[in-house]
Amino acid sequence: MTAAVRQEKLAAIFKSAVVIPVLTIERLEDAVPLARALVAGGVRVLEVTLRTPVAIEAAKAMMAEVPEAVVGIGTILNADDLARARALGAQFGISPGATPELLQAAAAGDLPFAPGIATASELMQALAHGFDLVKFFPAEPSGGIKALRALAGPFPNIRVCPTGGIGEANAASWLADPNVVAVGGSWLCPAAAIRSGNWAGITAMCARAIKSLKPA
C-alpha cells in the first residue's frame, strides 16, 4: 500500500466518522457493551487508547463481538505499539505525538496512521514521511482554531483530526474548518457513565451529537 493510498483510506474512515470517541477502558467487561452503545447511537469509528492494561484485549473483544464497529488504536507511542496495533487487526492508528523512529516505522508499514503534531516543525516532519493527515493535539491548549488556521497558511493541504479540549460546545466550530476531517474527544463516553453502565445514556448522547454535527 502506497503512502497516498494509506492516507486516503484513513481520510475516508475519519470523514465517515465525523466524531471519534477516545476510549480509555478500565474494565474488560465494559468493552463490548460500550462499543454496542456507541454504534447504536450512530458512532461507528472508535479509538481504543493504549492507556490501560486491558486495552488490547478490549479492542479484540470489540472487533470480535461488534463487527459493525471500526476499531482503531490510539496512544501509539513507539514502533512496538504500532506493531501491536497492526497484529491486532486495528483498522487505523493514532499517536499523540511522533518521534522520528515512530514516523519511520509507520511510513514503512501499511496501517493507516495519523501522527500527532502541535507545531509547524512537527508537521513538517510528518509531511516529510508522507503523512498529510495528522492529529492536532492537544488542540485547544495548543491555540485552538486560530493556531490551526495559522498552520494551514504555509501548509494549506493538510488534513486534521483535532483532539484535546473538544466537546459538545465547540465540536461544530472545529468541523466547520476546511482542514478538519473529523474531531476526537471523550465527551461522548464520560468515565462516570462507563463505570455505572449507563449504556442508554451514552447511546442517546451519541445520537444527539451525530444529528447536530453531520451536515444535512
Protein backbone atom coordinates (compact mmCIF):
# COMPACT_ATOMS: atom_id res chain seq x y z
CA MET A 1 0.00 0.00 0.00
CA THR A 2 1.48 3.34 -1.04
CA ALA A 3 1.62 6.27 1.36
CA ALA A 4 -1.04 8.11 -0.66
CA VAL A 5 -3.41 5.13 -0.67
CA ARG A 6 -2.88 4.61 3.06
CA GLN A 7 -3.67 8.25 3.81
CA GLU A 8 -6.76 8.23 1.59
CA LYS A 9 -8.04 5.14 3.37
CA LEU A 10 -7.61 6.90 6.71
CA ALA A 11 -9.28 10.06 5.38
CA ALA A 12 -12.30 8.01 4.27
CA ILE A 13 -12.59 6.45 7.74
CA PHE A 14 -12.32 9.80 9.50
CA LYS A 15 -14.75 11.59 7.18
CA SER A 16 -17.33 8.86 7.68
CA ALA A 17 -16.90 9.22 11.44
CA VAL A 18 -17.21 13.00 11.88
CA VAL A 19 -16.58 12.47 15.60
CA ILE A 20 -14.26 9.79 17.01
CA PRO A 21 -14.67 8.85 20.67
CA VAL A 22 -11.39 8.48 22.55
CA LEU A 23 -11.91 5.42 24.75
CA THR A 24 -9.95 4.66 27.90
CA ILE A 25 -11.28 1.30 29.06
CA GLU A 26 -10.51 0.31 32.65
CA ARG A 27 -12.53 -2.92 32.83
CA LEU A 28 -12.57 -5.53 30.09
CA GLU A 29 -16.24 -6.32 30.73
CA ASP A 30 -17.17 -2.77 29.69
CA ALA A 31 -15.64 -3.05 26.21
CA VAL A 32 -18.41 -4.80 24.28
CA PRO A 33 -21.43 -3.03 25.84
CA LEU A 34 -19.65 0.30 25.36
CA ALA A 35 -18.97 -0.43 21.69
CA ARG A 36 -22.58 -1.54 21.19
CA ALA A 37 -23.87 1.63 22.87
CA LEU A 38 -21.71 3.85 20.67
CA VAL A 39 -22.68 2.05 17.46
CA ALA A 40 -26.36 2.18 18.42
CA GLY A 41 -26.02 5.95 18.66
CA GLY A 42 -24.50 6.21 15.18
CA VAL A 43 -20.84 6.36 16.26
CA ARG A 44 -19.02 3.52 14.49
CA VAL A 45 -15.38 4.62 14.36
CA LEU A 46 -13.80 4.03 17.76
CA GLU A 47 -10.34 4.83 19.11
CA VAL A 48 -9.25 2.50 21.91
CA THR A 49 -6.30 4.09 23.70
CA LEU A 50 -3.34 2.09 24.98
CA ARG A 51 -3.63 3.68 28.41
CA THR A 52 -4.77 0.70 30.45
CA PRO A 53 -3.62 -2.92 30.91
CA VAL A 54 -6.81 -4.25 29.29
CA ALA A 55 -6.74 -2.02 26.19
CA ILE A 56 -5.58 -4.66 23.71
CA GLU A 57 -7.99 -7.31 24.97
CA ALA A 58 -10.79 -4.73 24.98
CA ALA A 59 -10.11 -3.86 21.34
CA LYS A 60 -10.03 -7.56 20.44
CA ALA A 61 -13.39 -8.11 22.09
CA MET A 62 -14.93 -5.16 20.28
CA MET A 63 -13.70 -6.42 16.92
CA ALA A 64 -14.95 -9.93 17.57
CA GLU A 65 -18.37 -9.10 19.02
CA VAL A 66 -19.26 -5.76 17.43
CA PRO A 67 -18.25 -6.24 13.78
CA GLU A 68 -20.02 -3.06 12.65
CA ALA A 69 -17.55 -1.01 14.70
CA VAL A 70 -14.42 0.33 13.00
CA VAL A 71 -11.82 -0.09 15.72
CA GLY A 72 -8.52 1.78 15.77
CA ILE A 73 -5.78 2.05 18.36
CA GLY A 74 -4.73 5.32 19.96
CA THR A 75 -1.91 6.48 22.23
CA ILE A 76 0.60 4.73 19.97
CA LEU A 77 3.92 5.91 21.38
CA ASN A 78 6.54 3.80 19.61
CA ALA A 79 7.17 1.20 16.93
CA ASP A 80 6.26 -1.65 19.30
CA ASP A 81 2.83 -0.12 19.93
CA LEU A 82 2.39 0.26 16.19
CA ALA A 83 3.27 -3.40 15.64
CA ARG A 84 0.79 -4.45 18.35
CA ALA A 85 -1.97 -2.44 16.68
CA ARG A 86 -1.21 -3.98 13.29
CA ALA A 87 -1.06 -7.52 14.69
CA LEU A 88 -4.36 -6.95 16.45
CA GLY A 89 -6.06 -6.12 13.17
CA ALA A 90 -6.79 -2.49 14.02
CA GLN A 91 -8.15 -0.50 11.09
CA PHE A 92 -6.14 2.60 11.94
CA GLY A 93 -3.68 4.02 14.45
CA ILE A 94 -3.28 7.42 16.11
CA SER A 95 -0.47 8.88 18.20
CA PRO A 96 -0.43 11.94 20.47
CA GLY A 97 2.95 12.92 19.04
CA ALA A 98 5.63 11.37 16.89
CA THR A 99 9.31 10.53 17.18
CA PRO A 100 11.47 10.04 14.07
CA GLU A 101 11.51 6.31 14.83
CA LEU A 102 7.72 6.09 15.01
CA LEU A 103 7.28 8.07 11.80
CA GLN A 104 9.76 5.79 10.02
CA ALA A 105 8.01 2.65 11.26
CA ALA A 106 4.59 3.97 10.28
CA ALA A 107 5.81 5.06 6.85
CA ALA A 108 7.26 1.60 6.24
CA GLY A 109 4.04 -0.17 7.18
CA ASP A 110 0.54 -0.36 5.75
CA LEU A 111 -1.56 0.62 8.77
CA PRO A 112 -3.50 3.86 8.16
CA PHE A 113 -1.92 6.17 10.72
CA ALA A 114 -2.29 9.75 11.97
CA PRO A 115 0.75 11.10 13.82
CA GLY A 116 0.20 13.75 16.45
CA ILE A 117 1.51 17.27 15.87
CA ALA A 118 1.26 20.59 17.71
CA THR A 119 3.85 22.76 15.92
CA ALA A 120 4.98 23.64 12.41
CA SER A 121 8.22 21.70 12.88
CA GLU A 122 6.36 18.57 13.94
CA LEU A 123 4.01 18.96 10.99
CA MET A 124 6.96 19.27 8.62
CA GLN A 125 8.41 16.02 9.94
CA ALA A 126 5.07 14.27 9.45
CA LEU A 127 4.75 15.59 5.91
CA ALA A 128 8.32 14.53 5.11
CA HIS A 129 7.34 10.96 5.97
CA GLY A 130 4.19 11.06 3.82
CA PHE A 131 1.58 11.93 6.44
CA ASP A 132 -0.63 14.82 5.36
CA LEU A 133 -3.48 13.72 7.66
CA VAL A 134 -2.47 14.36 11.25
CA LYS A 135 -3.87 14.59 14.75
CA PHE A 136 -3.66 18.13 16.14
CA PHE A 137 -3.06 17.57 19.85
CA PRO A 138 -3.74 18.99 22.34
CA ALA A 139 -5.96 21.13 20.13
CA GLU A 140 -7.38 23.74 22.48
CA PRO A 141 -4.32 24.12 24.77
CA SER A 142 -2.14 24.47 21.65
CA GLY A 143 -4.00 27.57 20.50
CA GLY A 144 -7.28 26.21 19.20
CA ILE A 145 -8.74 27.01 15.80
CA LYS A 146 -6.57 30.14 15.47
CA ALA A 147 -3.44 28.01 15.77
CA LEU A 148 -4.74 25.54 13.19
CA ARG A 149 -5.54 28.36 10.77
CA ALA A 150 -2.01 29.70 11.26
CA LEU A 151 -0.55 26.27 10.42
CA ALA A 152 -2.79 26.00 7.35
CA GLY A 153 -1.24 29.18 5.96
CA PRO A 154 2.07 27.60 4.88
CA PHE A 155 0.52 24.10 4.73
CA PRO A 156 -2.86 24.60 3.03
CA ASN A 157 -3.37 20.97 2.04
CA ILE A 158 -3.10 19.35 5.45
CA ARG A 159 -5.99 17.32 6.80
CA VAL A 160 -6.51 17.32 10.52
CA CYS A 161 -8.29 15.48 13.30
CA PRO A 162 -8.08 17.82 16.32
CA THR A 163 -8.33 16.26 19.77
CA GLY A 164 -7.92 17.73 23.22
CA GLY A 165 -10.37 20.16 24.77
CA ILE A 166 -13.08 19.44 22.21
CA GLY A 167 -16.61 18.73 23.37
CA GLU A 168 -20.26 19.21 22.56
CA ALA A 169 -20.00 23.00 22.83
CA ASN A 170 -17.20 23.54 20.29
CA ALA A 171 -17.11 20.45 18.04
CA ALA A 172 -19.21 22.11 15.33
CA SER A 173 -16.86 25.11 15.18
CA TRP A 174 -13.89 22.81 14.62
CA LEU A 175 -15.71 20.77 11.98
CA ALA A 176 -16.52 23.97 10.08
CA ASP A 177 -12.81 24.49 9.46
CA PRO A 178 -11.90 23.42 5.90
CA ASN A 179 -8.84 21.43 7.00
CA VAL A 180 -10.68 19.39 9.63
CA VAL A 181 -11.95 15.95 8.55
CA ALA A 182 -13.15 14.76 11.99
CA VAL A 183 -12.81 15.61 15.66
CA GLY A 184 -11.82 13.36 18.53
CA GLY A 185 -12.92 13.54 22.11
CA SER A 186 -14.06 11.65 25.19
CA TRP A 187 -17.24 13.62 25.88
CA LEU A 188 -19.44 11.02 24.18
CA CYS A 189 -18.49 8.39 26.76
CA PRO A 190 -17.90 10.01 30.18
CA ALA A 191 -15.99 7.86 32.64
CA ALA A 192 -18.87 8.03 35.12
CA ALA A 193 -21.31 6.71 32.52
CA ILE A 194 -19.00 3.81 31.71
CA ARG A 195 -18.43 2.98 35.38
CA SER A 196 -22.17 2.95 36.07
CA GLY A 197 -23.04 1.06 32.88
CA ASN A 198 -25.26 3.84 31.59
CA TRP A 199 -25.19 2.50 28.06
CA ALA A 200 -28.56 4.01 27.13
CA GLY A 201 -27.28 7.43 28.18
CA ILE A 202 -24.18 7.03 26.01
CA THR A 203 -26.31 5.96 23.04
CA ALA A 204 -28.57 8.98 23.47
CA MET A 205 -25.59 11.34 23.73
CA CYS A 206 -24.07 9.90 20.56
CA ALA A 207 -27.33 10.15 18.63
CA ARG A 208 -27.70 13.78 19.64
CA ALA A 209 -24.12 14.57 18.63
CA ILE A 210 -24.36 12.86 15.27
CA LYS A 211 -27.63 14.63 14.47
CA SER A 212 -26.18 18.03 15.32
CA LEU A 213 -22.74 17.58 13.74
CA LYS A 214 -23.40 15.74 10.48
CA PRO A 215 -24.17 18.02 7.53
CA ALA A 216 -27.73 17.95 6.30
